[in-house]
N, C-alpha and C. Protein backbone atom coordinates (compact mmCIF):
# COMPACT_ATOMS: atom_id res chain seq x y z
N MET A 1 14.93 -28.99 1.65
CA MET A 1 13.43 -28.62 1.71
C MET A 1 13.26 -27.13 1.84
N THR A 2 12.56 -26.90 1.29
CA THR A 2 11.95 -25.22 1.49
C THR A 2 10.76 -25.36 2.81
N ARG A 3 11.19 -24.40 3.91
CA ARG A 3 10.34 -24.10 5.00
C ARG A 3 8.88 -24.26 4.30
N ARG A 4 7.87 -24.24 4.64
CA ARG A 4 6.53 -24.08 4.65
C ARG A 4 5.79 -23.71 5.84
N ASP A 5 5.04 -22.24 5.81
CA ASP A 5 4.59 -21.63 7.35
C ASP A 5 3.02 -21.91 6.93
N VAL A 6 2.66 -22.15 8.42
CA VAL A 6 1.09 -22.11 8.50
C VAL A 6 0.96 -20.40 8.06
N PHE A 7 -0.39 -20.40 7.56
CA PHE A 7 -1.15 -19.22 7.08
C PHE A 7 -2.92 -19.33 7.20
N GLU A 8 -3.45 -18.10 7.63
CA GLU A 8 -4.91 -18.10 7.98
C GLU A 8 -5.07 -17.34 6.89
N TYR A 9 -6.62 -17.93 6.09
CA TYR A 9 -7.64 -16.32 5.17
C TYR A 9 -8.64 -16.60 5.47
N ALA A 10 -9.31 -15.53 4.81
CA ALA A 10 -10.94 -15.77 4.87
C ALA A 10 -10.87 -14.71 4.11
N LEU A 11 -12.25 -14.84 3.58
CA LEU A 11 -13.03 -14.06 2.55
C LEU A 11 -13.58 -12.93 2.59
N LEU A 12 -13.23 -11.41 1.87
CA LEU A 12 -14.62 -10.78 1.99
C LEU A 12 -16.07 -10.78 1.43
N ARG A 13 -16.96 -10.75 1.83
CA ARG A 13 -17.69 -11.30 1.00
C ARG A 13 -18.49 -10.12 1.35
N VAL A 14 -19.34 -9.26 0.46
CA VAL A 14 -20.76 -8.21 -0.44
C VAL A 14 -21.94 -8.48 0.06
N VAL A 15 -22.73 -8.12 1.19
CA VAL A 15 -24.03 -8.79 1.27
C VAL A 15 -25.16 -7.45 0.89
N PRO A 16 -25.11 -6.85 -0.56
CA PRO A 16 -25.94 -5.96 -0.66
C PRO A 16 -27.33 -5.32 0.27
N ARG A 17 -27.84 -6.68 0.23
CA ARG A 17 -28.91 -6.60 1.43
C ARG A 17 -28.89 -7.12 2.10
N VAL A 18 -28.49 -7.29 3.34
CA VAL A 18 -28.53 -7.72 4.65
C VAL A 18 -29.54 -8.69 4.85
N GLU A 19 -30.72 -8.45 4.94
CA GLU A 19 -32.22 -9.06 5.54
C GLU A 19 -31.99 -10.11 4.31
N ARG A 20 -31.66 -10.11 3.21
CA ARG A 20 -31.78 -11.60 2.41
C ARG A 20 -30.38 -12.38 2.34
N GLY A 21 -29.26 -11.75 2.56
CA GLY A 21 -27.87 -12.70 2.95
C GLY A 21 -27.30 -13.36 1.84
N GLU A 22 -27.91 -12.58 0.37
CA GLU A 22 -27.32 -13.04 -0.63
C GLU A 22 -25.93 -12.08 -0.53
N CYS A 23 -24.87 -13.02 -0.86
CA CYS A 23 -23.72 -12.58 -0.87
C CYS A 23 -22.58 -12.75 -2.39
N PHE A 24 -21.73 -12.17 -2.25
CA PHE A 24 -20.79 -12.62 -3.16
C PHE A 24 -19.15 -12.49 -2.46
N ASN A 25 -18.17 -13.09 -3.09
CA ASN A 25 -16.69 -13.05 -3.02
C ASN A 25 -16.08 -11.66 -3.39
N ALA A 26 -15.48 -10.98 -2.92
CA ALA A 26 -14.71 -9.49 -3.46
C ALA A 26 -13.43 -9.42 -3.03
N GLY A 27 -13.08 -10.43 -2.01
CA GLY A 27 -11.69 -10.04 -1.73
C GLY A 27 -11.13 -11.10 -0.16
N VAL A 28 -10.14 -11.13 -0.10
CA VAL A 28 -9.15 -11.99 0.57
C VAL A 28 -8.38 -11.42 1.61
N LEU A 29 -8.31 -12.01 2.84
CA LEU A 29 -7.46 -11.37 3.92
C LEU A 29 -6.46 -12.88 4.21
N VAL A 30 -5.21 -12.18 4.38
CA VAL A 30 -4.23 -13.45 4.46
C VAL A 30 -3.40 -13.01 5.90
N TYR A 31 -3.16 -14.07 6.62
CA TYR A 31 -2.15 -13.63 8.11
C TYR A 31 -1.10 -14.96 8.26
N CYS A 32 0.14 -14.76 8.33
CA CYS A 32 1.45 -15.14 8.59
C CYS A 32 1.40 -14.91 9.53
N ARG A 33 1.72 -15.21 10.75
CA ARG A 33 2.19 -15.19 11.74
C ARG A 33 3.42 -15.34 11.81
N ALA A 34 3.94 -16.57 11.58
CA ALA A 34 5.78 -16.50 11.01
C ALA A 34 6.57 -15.79 10.28
N HIS A 35 5.77 -14.89 9.87
CA HIS A 35 6.58 -13.74 8.81
C HIS A 35 5.67 -12.12 9.09
N SER A 36 4.54 -12.37 10.21
CA SER A 36 4.39 -10.91 10.88
C SER A 36 4.13 -10.73 9.62
N PHE A 37 2.70 -11.48 8.79
CA PHE A 37 2.04 -11.01 7.77
C PHE A 37 0.96 -10.90 7.29
N VAL A 38 0.25 -9.75 7.19
CA VAL A 38 -1.32 -9.51 7.14
C VAL A 38 -1.72 -8.85 5.85
N ALA A 39 -2.20 -9.03 4.87
CA ALA A 39 -2.76 -8.24 3.79
C ALA A 39 -4.12 -9.13 3.25
N ALA A 40 -4.40 -7.84 2.56
CA ALA A 40 -5.89 -8.36 2.05
C ALA A 40 -5.91 -7.52 0.65
N ARG A 41 -6.20 -8.36 -0.29
CA ARG A 41 -6.50 -7.79 -1.92
C ARG A 41 -7.95 -7.64 -2.03
N THR A 42 -8.35 -6.67 -2.88
CA THR A 42 -10.49 -6.90 -2.73
C THR A 42 -10.08 -6.99 -4.29
N HIS A 43 -11.49 -7.48 -4.84
CA HIS A 43 -12.08 -7.24 -6.29
C HIS A 43 -13.47 -6.86 -6.58
N LEU A 44 -13.82 -5.51 -6.64
CA LEU A 44 -15.38 -5.76 -6.93
C LEU A 44 -15.91 -5.48 -8.13
N ASP A 45 -16.88 -6.66 -8.30
CA ASP A 45 -17.58 -7.19 -9.58
C ASP A 45 -19.05 -6.46 -9.25
N GLU A 46 -18.72 -5.13 -9.89
CA GLU A 46 -19.78 -4.65 -9.95
C GLU A 46 -21.22 -4.97 -10.58
N ALA A 47 -21.26 -5.93 -11.74
CA ALA A 47 -22.50 -6.12 -12.56
C ALA A 47 -23.10 -7.45 -10.99
N LYS A 48 -21.97 -7.74 -10.79
CA LYS A 48 -23.00 -9.20 -9.70
C LYS A 48 -23.46 -8.28 -8.38
N LEU A 49 -22.67 -7.13 -7.82
CA LEU A 49 -23.39 -6.13 -6.90
C LEU A 49 -24.97 -5.67 -7.27
N LYS A 50 -25.01 -5.53 -8.52
CA LYS A 50 -25.68 -4.44 -9.04
C LYS A 50 -27.26 -5.71 -9.66
N ALA A 51 -26.72 -6.59 -9.93
CA ALA A 51 -27.44 -7.76 -9.77
C ALA A 51 -28.66 -7.88 -8.72
N LEU A 52 -27.53 -8.15 -7.43
CA LEU A 52 -28.07 -8.12 -6.67
C LEU A 52 -28.77 -6.94 -5.92
N ASP A 53 -28.30 -6.18 -5.70
CA ASP A 53 -29.02 -4.71 -5.38
C ASP A 53 -28.98 -3.58 -6.36
N PRO A 54 -29.76 -3.80 -7.31
CA PRO A 54 -29.37 -2.28 -8.37
C PRO A 54 -29.76 -0.90 -7.64
N HIS A 55 -30.04 -0.96 -6.71
CA HIS A 55 -29.75 0.41 -6.11
C HIS A 55 -28.29 0.57 -5.04
N ALA A 56 -27.76 -0.33 -4.91
CA ALA A 56 -26.43 -0.70 -4.18
C ALA A 56 -25.83 0.19 -4.20
N ASP A 57 -24.71 0.93 -3.23
CA ASP A 57 -23.85 2.02 -3.34
C ASP A 57 -22.57 1.36 -3.78
N VAL A 58 -22.05 1.34 -4.94
CA VAL A 58 -21.30 1.06 -5.24
C VAL A 58 -19.64 2.05 -4.87
N VAL A 59 -19.87 3.28 -4.70
CA VAL A 59 -18.86 3.81 -3.82
C VAL A 59 -18.47 3.46 -2.77
N GLY A 60 -19.75 3.33 -1.78
CA GLY A 60 -19.61 2.64 -0.37
C GLY A 60 -18.99 1.71 -0.12
N VAL A 61 -19.10 0.31 -1.09
CA VAL A 61 -18.81 -0.65 -1.04
C VAL A 61 -17.16 -0.60 -1.51
N ARG A 62 -16.85 0.20 -2.73
CA ARG A 62 -15.41 0.24 -2.49
C ARG A 62 -14.67 0.65 -1.43
N ALA A 63 -15.56 1.65 -0.86
CA ALA A 63 -14.70 2.39 0.23
C ALA A 63 -14.37 1.57 1.30
N ALA A 64 -15.49 0.48 1.91
CA ALA A 64 -15.29 -0.27 2.52
C ALA A 64 -14.01 -1.29 2.29
N LEU A 65 -13.99 -2.03 1.29
CA LEU A 65 -12.73 -2.75 1.18
C LEU A 65 -11.98 -1.96 0.76
N ARG A 66 -11.74 -0.87 0.51
CA ARG A 66 -9.95 -0.08 0.44
C ARG A 66 -9.94 -0.32 1.77
N ALA A 67 -11.07 0.43 3.03
CA ALA A 67 -11.05 0.32 4.21
C ALA A 67 -9.68 -0.95 4.93
N VAL A 68 -10.30 -2.03 4.73
CA VAL A 68 -9.80 -3.01 5.24
C VAL A 68 -8.94 -3.57 4.51
N GLU A 69 -8.40 -3.08 3.54
CA GLU A 69 -6.69 -2.74 2.57
C GLU A 69 -5.81 -1.97 3.53
N GLY A 70 -6.86 -1.49 3.55
CA GLY A 70 -5.62 0.11 4.79
C GLY A 70 -5.22 -0.17 6.03
N VAL A 71 -6.07 -0.67 6.98
CA VAL A 71 -6.07 -2.10 7.90
C VAL A 71 -4.66 -2.45 8.02
N CYS A 72 -4.73 -3.33 7.07
CA CYS A 72 -4.01 -4.24 6.80
C CYS A 72 -2.88 -3.75 6.76
N ASP A 73 -2.27 -3.00 6.04
CA ASP A 73 -1.37 -2.07 5.40
C ASP A 73 -0.72 -1.46 6.34
N GLY A 74 -1.52 -1.29 7.55
CA GLY A 74 -1.26 -0.14 8.97
C GLY A 74 -0.70 0.81 8.97
N GLY A 75 0.16 1.72 9.21
CA GLY A 75 0.21 2.92 8.88
C GLY A 75 -0.93 3.76 9.27
N GLU A 76 -0.99 5.28 8.44
CA GLU A 76 -2.00 6.28 8.65
C GLU A 76 -3.42 5.31 8.28
N GLY A 77 -3.50 4.87 7.48
CA GLY A 77 -4.48 4.08 6.41
C GLY A 77 -5.29 3.51 7.59
N ALA A 78 -4.17 2.60 8.67
CA ALA A 78 -5.00 1.70 9.65
C ALA A 78 -5.82 2.26 10.72
N GLY A 79 -5.92 3.60 10.79
CA GLY A 79 -6.90 4.34 11.71
C GLY A 79 -6.40 3.87 13.14
N GLN A 80 -7.22 3.67 14.02
CA GLN A 80 -6.65 3.42 15.32
C GLN A 80 -6.08 1.90 15.42
N ALA A 81 -6.23 0.96 14.23
CA ALA A 81 -5.39 -0.42 14.48
C ALA A 81 -3.93 -0.12 14.24
N ALA A 82 -3.73 0.85 13.67
CA ALA A 82 -2.26 1.37 13.28
C ALA A 82 -0.82 1.20 13.75
N GLY A 83 -1.60 1.04 15.49
CA GLY A 83 0.00 0.55 16.35
C GLY A 83 -0.29 -0.96 16.87
N ASP A 84 -1.88 -1.95 16.33
CA ASP A 84 -1.62 -2.69 16.66
C ASP A 84 -0.79 -3.97 15.45
N ASP A 85 -0.15 -4.95 16.28
CA ASP A 85 0.64 -6.01 15.42
C ASP A 85 -0.22 -6.74 13.98
N ALA A 86 0.55 -7.44 13.35
CA ALA A 86 -0.38 -8.04 12.29
C ALA A 86 -1.19 -9.09 13.20
N GLY A 87 -1.02 -9.79 13.39
CA GLY A 87 -2.34 -10.76 14.33
C GLY A 87 -3.31 -10.26 14.72
N ARG A 88 -3.25 -9.06 15.81
CA ARG A 88 -4.46 -8.17 16.16
C ARG A 88 -5.20 -7.46 14.94
N ARG A 89 -4.34 -7.06 13.89
CA ARG A 89 -5.09 -6.40 12.86
C ARG A 89 -6.24 -7.69 11.86
N PHE A 90 -5.64 -8.53 11.63
CA PHE A 90 -6.19 -9.58 11.21
C PHE A 90 -7.26 -10.42 12.26
N ARG A 91 -7.50 -10.09 13.67
CA ARG A 91 -8.52 -10.56 14.59
C ARG A 91 -9.31 -9.61 14.51
N TRP A 92 -9.58 -8.94 14.12
CA TRP A 92 -10.22 -7.21 14.22
C TRP A 92 -10.79 -7.24 13.48
N LEU A 93 -10.16 -7.76 11.91
CA LEU A 93 -10.98 -7.95 10.43
C LEU A 93 -11.78 -9.32 10.53
N ILE A 94 -11.64 -10.07 11.06
CA ILE A 94 -12.40 -11.16 10.75
C ILE A 94 -13.41 -11.25 12.02
N ALA A 95 -13.21 -10.09 12.82
CA ALA A 95 -14.42 -10.30 13.74
C ALA A 95 -16.03 -10.57 13.05
N PRO A 96 -17.18 -11.45 13.26
CA PRO A 96 -18.65 -11.42 12.74
C PRO A 96 -18.82 -9.54 12.64
N ARG A 97 -19.81 -9.48 11.68
CA ARG A 97 -20.10 -8.22 11.54
C ARG A 97 -21.24 -8.01 11.09
N SER A 98 -22.20 -6.93 10.51
CA SER A 98 -23.86 -7.21 10.25
C SER A 98 -23.46 -5.70 9.37
N THR A 99 -22.52 -6.22 8.12
CA THR A 99 -23.01 -4.88 7.28
C THR A 99 -22.81 -5.59 6.44
N VAL A 100 -22.15 -4.67 5.18
CA VAL A 100 -22.36 -4.75 3.47
C VAL A 100 -21.11 -5.47 3.60
N VAL A 101 -19.84 -5.29 3.88
CA VAL A 101 -18.86 -6.08 3.57
C VAL A 101 -18.97 -6.97 4.43
N GLN A 102 -18.59 -8.21 4.48
CA GLN A 102 -18.35 -9.31 6.14
C GLN A 102 -17.12 -10.34 5.06
N PRO A 103 -15.98 -10.03 7.10
CA PRO A 103 -15.57 -11.62 6.90
C PRO A 103 -16.21 -13.18 6.70
N GLY A 104 -15.89 -14.10 6.02
CA GLY A 104 -15.85 -15.67 5.95
C GLY A 104 -15.30 -16.12 6.98
N ALA A 105 -15.42 -17.65 6.89
CA ALA A 105 -14.88 -18.19 7.93
C ALA A 105 -13.38 -18.34 7.43
N VAL A 106 -12.82 -18.71 8.57
CA VAL A 106 -11.24 -18.66 8.80
C VAL A 106 -10.64 -20.39 8.12
N HIS A 107 -9.85 -20.08 7.13
CA HIS A 107 -9.32 -21.38 6.81
C HIS A 107 -7.90 -21.02 7.39
N SER A 108 -7.05 -22.26 6.78
CA SER A 108 -5.44 -22.40 7.12
C SER A 108 -4.91 -23.16 5.63
N GLY A 109 -3.80 -22.89 5.75
CA GLY A 109 -2.82 -23.87 5.31
C GLY A 109 -1.26 -23.73 5.58
N LEU A 110 -0.75 -24.14 3.90
CA LEU A 110 1.29 -23.91 4.45
C LEU A 110 1.22 -22.94 3.34
N THR A 111 2.71 -22.21 3.08
CA THR A 111 3.16 -21.89 2.21
C THR A 111 4.56 -21.24 2.67
N THR A 112 5.09 -21.24 1.27
CA THR A 112 6.48 -20.61 1.50
C THR A 112 6.58 -19.36 1.01
N ASP A 113 5.28 -18.41 0.49
CA ASP A 113 4.96 -17.16 0.09
C ASP A 113 3.86 -16.56 0.48
N PRO A 114 3.26 -15.97 1.99
CA PRO A 114 2.26 -15.45 2.02
C PRO A 114 1.75 -14.19 1.37
N ALA A 115 2.62 -13.36 0.60
CA ALA A 115 2.48 -12.54 -0.17
C ALA A 115 2.08 -13.39 -1.89
N GLY A 116 2.36 -14.37 -2.17
CA GLY A 116 1.64 -15.07 -2.87
C GLY A 116 0.45 -15.50 -2.78
N GLU A 117 0.31 -15.71 -1.85
CA GLU A 117 -0.86 -16.56 -1.26
C GLU A 117 -2.43 -15.55 -1.10
N VAL A 118 -1.95 -14.38 -1.21
CA VAL A 118 -3.06 -13.24 -1.63
C VAL A 118 -3.58 -13.01 -2.43
N GLU A 119 -2.34 -13.21 -3.42
CA GLU A 119 -3.00 -13.42 -5.23
C GLU A 119 -3.59 -13.69 -5.61
N ARG A 120 -3.11 -15.59 -5.45
CA ARG A 120 -3.47 -16.99 -5.88
C ARG A 120 -4.95 -17.22 -4.96
N LEU A 121 -4.85 -16.55 -3.83
CA LEU A 121 -6.59 -17.23 -3.24
C LEU A 121 -7.58 -15.95 -4.03
N LEU A 122 -6.98 -14.78 -4.21
CA LEU A 122 -7.79 -13.98 -4.80
C LEU A 122 -8.24 -14.16 -6.34
N ASP A 123 -7.53 -14.84 -7.12
CA ASP A 123 -7.36 -15.08 -8.29
C ASP A 123 -8.23 -16.52 -8.50
N LEU A 124 -8.41 -17.34 -7.64
CA LEU A 124 -9.34 -18.78 -7.14
C LEU A 124 -10.46 -18.60 -6.92
N LEU A 125 -10.40 -17.49 -6.06
CA LEU A 125 -11.89 -17.41 -5.37
C LEU A 125 -13.19 -16.05 -5.58
N VAL A 126 -12.26 -15.36 -5.79
CA VAL A 126 -12.61 -13.88 -5.95
C VAL A 126 -12.95 -13.94 -7.44
N ARG A 127 -11.89 -13.50 -8.47
CA ARG A 127 -11.92 -13.38 -9.49
C ARG A 127 -12.89 -14.45 -10.75
């Protein structure tokens, strides 16, 4: 039997006009402690963004989503979080914030392949 490990994930939501509270999914964060793994993958649907806010800053939203991916990847792209372990980076990214890109609730599951979960969840919940 293949070993399955606990993983946690949260959706990244775009909230073009925070005061209205309307949002759509634009990415997923996955963390697996057993593998010291954290990753984010994003997909911005510009048509949805423009439908909710015709004046939305597409370039700014893309930059915010790329920044989340950079923090997960570590290294220079992670900024101040570069020295943090995967768990600390995940916890920092899922902290509630009132910005255009917001994390959703954290969910958990079991996996044999954390990297595969990132792509599976992106296809299932975002694209």
